[in-house]
Amino acid sequence: MKKEVGDRRSEIWLLGDSNPKNWQAVLETPFDPRHPARHSIWTPVLEVIQDRVFRECRSRVDTSSIYVRNAVEDPAEKPRSNCIQWETDVEREVQEFQDLVREYRPGMLFSFGAFSFEFARRALDQEPKRSYGHWGARRLGQEFRQRINQFHLQATNLLPLLHVSIARGRFIQSHEYFCNQKGANYFEFVGSYIAQKLLEHCDELGVWIE
């Protein structure tokens, strides 16, 4: 399974958790489009984004070059969810990702789930360090709302999204906890916010289909 796919120069990066344990010998890339997880956690968000931007400016985000990778390749490398001090192998992966971010400076870095969010926070030197178990749906939602409202075009904006919790048995709670609203639709919520920022900076961001 490839470690990365897409163009590192893309303004949009997707950071997943780890390779699917039972399928990494079969799948080719992170977020492989044949794996159902991609279509549970990213496709519905992207659909809202594409709908909103097309209605507004008659264009669409070019998804062909979006840069995609996982925080770690081997899921067995992930630290325990209550652990703040990570093993050397994982810290080495954080450093590698940090070097990539500093070199290519993506405008939007979407992390999927608690582990990839904490991994990205560490790569961006955001303090304090937390155990990734700290980041439940409520706190990820708080971080998303704060960060999207503080979006800065010249920075790498880390925006946390949900991972498999949005497709499991407590999915209704995940919608409501993340959005802090009863009866909320998480996909509409985050997709609309992201589309709004893309439209606000449509002339500066090179993310559009030519």
Protein backbone atom coordinates (compact mmCIF):
# COMPACT_ATOMS: atom_id res chain seq x y z
CA MET A 1 0.00 0.00 0.00
CA LYS A 2 1.42 3.39 -1.00
CA LYS A 3 2.23 5.77 1.83
CA GLU A 4 0.83 8.79 0.02
CA VAL A 5 -1.16 9.76 -3.04
CA GLY A 6 -1.81 13.08 -4.76
CA ASP A 7 0.23 16.23 -5.18
CA ARG A 8 2.13 17.61 -2.20
CA ARG A 9 1.71 21.09 -3.70
CA SER A 10 -2.07 20.86 -3.31
CA GLU A 11 -3.78 23.43 -1.09
CA ILE A 12 -5.89 20.62 0.41
CA TRP A 13 -4.42 17.73 2.39
CA LEU A 14 -6.29 14.80 3.95
CA LEU A 15 -4.72 13.04 6.94
CA GLY A 16 -6.22 9.72 7.93
CA ASP A 17 -5.57 7.48 10.91
CA SER A 18 -3.68 4.39 9.71
CA ASN A 19 -3.87 1.71 7.05
CA PRO A 20 -6.91 -0.58 7.32
CA LYS A 21 -5.45 -3.56 9.16
CA ASN A 22 -7.27 -6.28 7.23
CA TRP A 23 -7.01 -4.65 3.81
CA GLN A 24 -3.63 -2.96 3.54
CA ALA A 25 -2.25 -5.80 1.43
CA VAL A 26 -5.10 -5.37 -1.06
CA LEU A 27 -5.78 -1.64 -1.19
CA GLU A 28 -3.40 0.61 -3.11
CA THR A 29 -3.61 4.01 -1.43
CA PRO A 30 -4.72 5.78 1.75
CA PHE A 31 -8.42 6.60 1.43
CA ASP A 32 -8.61 4.08 -1.39
CA PRO A 33 -11.94 4.80 -3.15
CA ARG A 34 -12.84 1.10 -3.02
CA HIS A 35 -12.88 1.10 0.78
CA PRO A 36 -16.25 2.02 2.32
CA ALA A 37 -14.70 4.16 5.07
CA ARG A 38 -13.80 6.85 2.55
CA HIS A 39 -17.43 7.14 1.50
CA SER A 40 -18.63 7.26 5.09
CA ILE A 41 -16.33 10.03 6.29
CA TRP A 42 -15.28 12.15 3.29
CA THR A 43 -17.60 11.72 0.29
CA PRO A 44 -20.70 13.24 2.02
CA VAL A 45 -18.66 16.26 3.13
CA LEU A 46 -17.22 16.70 -0.34
CA GLU A 47 -20.69 16.45 -1.89
CA VAL A 48 -21.91 19.39 0.19
CA ILE A 49 -18.79 21.40 -0.69
CA GLN A 50 -19.14 20.77 -4.41
CA ASP A 51 -22.85 21.61 -4.40
CA ARG A 52 -22.35 24.91 -2.56
CA VAL A 53 -19.41 26.14 -4.62
CA PHE A 54 -21.01 25.20 -7.92
CA ARG A 55 -24.19 27.07 -7.08
CA GLU A 56 -22.15 30.11 -6.07
CA CYS A 57 -19.44 30.31 -8.73
CA ARG A 58 -20.19 27.58 -11.27
CA SER A 59 -16.98 25.74 -10.51
CA ARG A 60 -15.91 22.66 -8.60
CA VAL A 61 -12.97 21.70 -6.43
CA ASP A 62 -10.44 19.66 -8.38
CA THR A 63 -10.11 16.54 -6.24
CA SER A 64 -7.65 14.77 -8.55
CA SER A 65 -4.56 16.32 -6.96
CA ILE A 66 -5.60 16.44 -3.27
CA TYR A 67 -2.72 15.10 -1.18
CA VAL A 68 -3.65 12.12 1.02
CA ARG A 69 -1.77 10.07 3.60
CA ASN A 70 -2.28 8.42 6.97
CA ALA A 71 -0.67 9.52 10.21
CA VAL A 72 1.00 6.11 10.53
CA GLU A 73 0.98 3.16 8.20
CA ASP A 74 0.85 0.25 10.65
CA PRO A 75 -2.18 0.53 12.99
CA ALA A 76 -0.20 -1.44 15.59
CA GLU A 77 2.12 1.57 15.94
CA LYS A 78 -0.63 3.79 17.33
CA PRO A 79 -0.08 4.66 20.99
CA ARG A 80 -2.69 3.90 23.60
CA SER A 81 -5.51 6.41 23.59
CA ASN A 82 -4.63 7.65 27.11
CA CYS A 83 -0.91 8.03 26.42
CA ILE A 84 0.66 11.49 26.08
CA GLN A 85 4.27 10.34 25.61
CA TRP A 86 4.49 8.57 22.24
CA GLU A 87 7.01 5.98 21.13
CA THR A 88 10.05 6.98 19.08
CA ASP A 89 8.71 5.41 15.88
CA VAL A 90 5.54 7.51 16.02
CA GLU A 91 7.44 10.67 16.91
CA ARG A 92 9.62 10.02 13.86
CA GLU A 93 6.47 9.94 11.74
CA VAL A 94 5.34 13.22 13.32
CA GLN A 95 8.71 14.80 12.44
CA GLU A 96 8.51 13.56 8.85
CA PHE A 97 5.03 15.01 8.47
CA GLN A 98 6.14 18.26 10.09
CA ASP A 99 8.92 18.60 7.52
CA LEU A 100 6.44 18.07 4.68
CA VAL A 101 4.00 20.65 6.04
CA ARG A 102 6.75 23.23 6.48
CA GLU A 103 8.01 22.67 2.97
CA TYR A 104 4.69 22.67 1.11
CA ARG A 105 2.49 24.77 3.43
CA PRO A 106 -0.99 23.47 2.52
CA GLY A 107 -3.82 25.91 3.20
CA MET A 108 -6.30 23.32 4.47
CA LEU A 109 -5.23 20.24 6.40
CA PHE A 110 -8.18 18.00 7.25
CA SER A 111 -7.56 15.37 9.92
CA PHE A 112 -9.98 12.48 10.35
CA GLY A 113 -10.54 11.38 13.92
CA ALA A 114 -8.86 11.90 17.26
CA PHE A 115 -5.48 10.28 16.58
CA SER A 116 -4.79 12.05 13.29
CA PHE A 117 -5.84 15.38 14.83
CA GLU A 118 -3.42 15.04 17.75
CA PHE A 119 -0.75 13.78 15.33
CA ALA A 120 -1.21 16.89 13.17
CA ARG A 121 -1.28 19.20 16.22
CA ARG A 122 2.12 17.86 17.23
CA ALA A 123 3.46 18.27 13.69
CA LEU A 124 2.34 21.91 13.82
CA ASP A 125 3.85 22.40 17.29
CA GLN A 126 0.48 23.19 18.85
CA GLU A 127 0.52 22.96 22.62
CA PRO A 128 -0.22 21.42 25.00
CA LYS A 129 0.27 17.86 23.87
CA ARG A 130 -2.73 15.68 24.64
CA SER A 131 -3.54 12.00 24.64
CA TYR A 132 -5.66 11.48 21.56
CA GLY A 133 -8.37 10.02 23.79
CA HIS A 134 -8.93 13.60 24.92
CA TRP A 135 -10.47 14.44 21.56
CA GLY A 136 -14.04 13.15 21.55
CA ALA A 137 -16.69 14.35 19.11
CA ARG A 138 -17.62 17.35 21.29
CA ARG A 139 -14.08 18.63 21.56
CA LEU A 140 -13.31 17.98 17.91
CA GLY A 141 -16.40 20.00 17.04
CA GLN A 142 -15.31 22.85 19.28
CA GLU A 143 -11.89 22.83 17.64
CA PHE A 144 -13.39 22.78 14.15
CA ARG A 145 -15.67 25.76 14.85
CA GLN A 146 -12.89 27.77 16.45
CA ARG A 147 -10.36 27.00 13.74
CA ILE A 148 -12.67 27.59 10.76
CA ASN A 149 -13.66 30.96 12.24
CA GLN A 150 -9.99 31.87 12.66
CA PHE A 151 -9.06 30.70 9.16
CA HIS A 152 -5.99 32.50 7.85
CA LEU A 153 -5.02 32.27 4.21
CA GLN A 154 -1.27 32.46 4.88
CA ALA A 155 -1.27 29.64 7.44
CA THR A 156 -1.77 25.90 7.42
CA ASN A 157 -5.29 25.62 8.84
CA LEU A 158 -5.74 22.31 10.68
CA LEU A 159 -9.43 21.40 10.60
CA PRO A 160 -10.52 18.26 12.47
CA LEU A 161 -13.26 16.04 11.03
CA LEU A 162 -14.78 12.84 12.36
CA HIS A 163 -13.58 9.37 11.44
CA VAL A 164 -15.55 6.16 11.85
CA SER A 165 -17.65 7.42 14.77
CA ILE A 166 -19.91 9.13 12.24
CA ALA A 167 -20.72 5.73 10.69
CA ARG A 168 -21.10 3.57 13.78
CA GLY A 169 -23.88 2.78 16.22
CA ARG A 170 -23.80 6.15 18.01
CA PHE A 171 -23.72 8.16 14.81
CA ILE A 172 -26.66 10.39 15.80
CA GLN A 173 -24.81 11.46 18.94
CA SER A 174 -21.72 12.17 16.84
CA HIS A 175 -23.70 14.54 14.59
CA GLU A 176 -25.12 16.37 17.60
CA TYR A 177 -21.98 16.40 19.75
CA PHE A 178 -19.73 17.70 16.98
CA CYS A 179 -22.15 20.41 15.84
CA ASN A 180 -23.36 21.22 19.38
CA GLN A 181 -26.93 21.18 18.13
CA LYS A 182 -29.87 18.82 18.52
CA GLY A 183 -30.84 17.17 15.26
CA ALA A 184 -27.75 18.51 13.46
CA ASN A 185 -26.43 17.12 10.20
CA TYR A 186 -22.66 16.94 10.60
CA PHE A 187 -22.03 16.60 6.85
CA GLU A 188 -24.04 19.71 6.01
CA PHE A 189 -22.50 21.56 8.93
CA VAL A 190 -18.83 21.05 8.09
CA GLY A 191 -19.32 21.01 4.31
CA SER A 192 -21.06 24.39 4.39
CA TYR A 193 -18.37 25.96 6.58
CA ILE A 194 -15.58 24.63 4.34
CA ALA A 195 -17.35 25.75 1.16
CA GLN A 196 -17.80 29.21 2.64
CA LYS A 197 -14.06 29.56 3.26
CA LEU A 198 -13.23 28.28 -0.21
CA LEU A 199 -15.58 30.83 -1.73
CA GLU A 200 -14.24 33.67 0.41
CA HIS A 201 -10.76 32.97 -0.94
CA CYS A 202 -11.70 31.64 -4.37
CA ASP A 203 -9.26 33.92 -6.21
CA GLU A 204 -6.32 33.07 -3.97
CA LEU A 205 -6.75 29.29 -3.69
CA GLY A 206 -5.71 27.21 -6.66
CA VAL A 207 -8.14 24.37 -5.98
CA TRP A 208 -10.56 24.73 -8.88
CA ILE A 209 -11.12 22.64 -11.97
CA GLU A 210 -9.72 24.58 -14.91
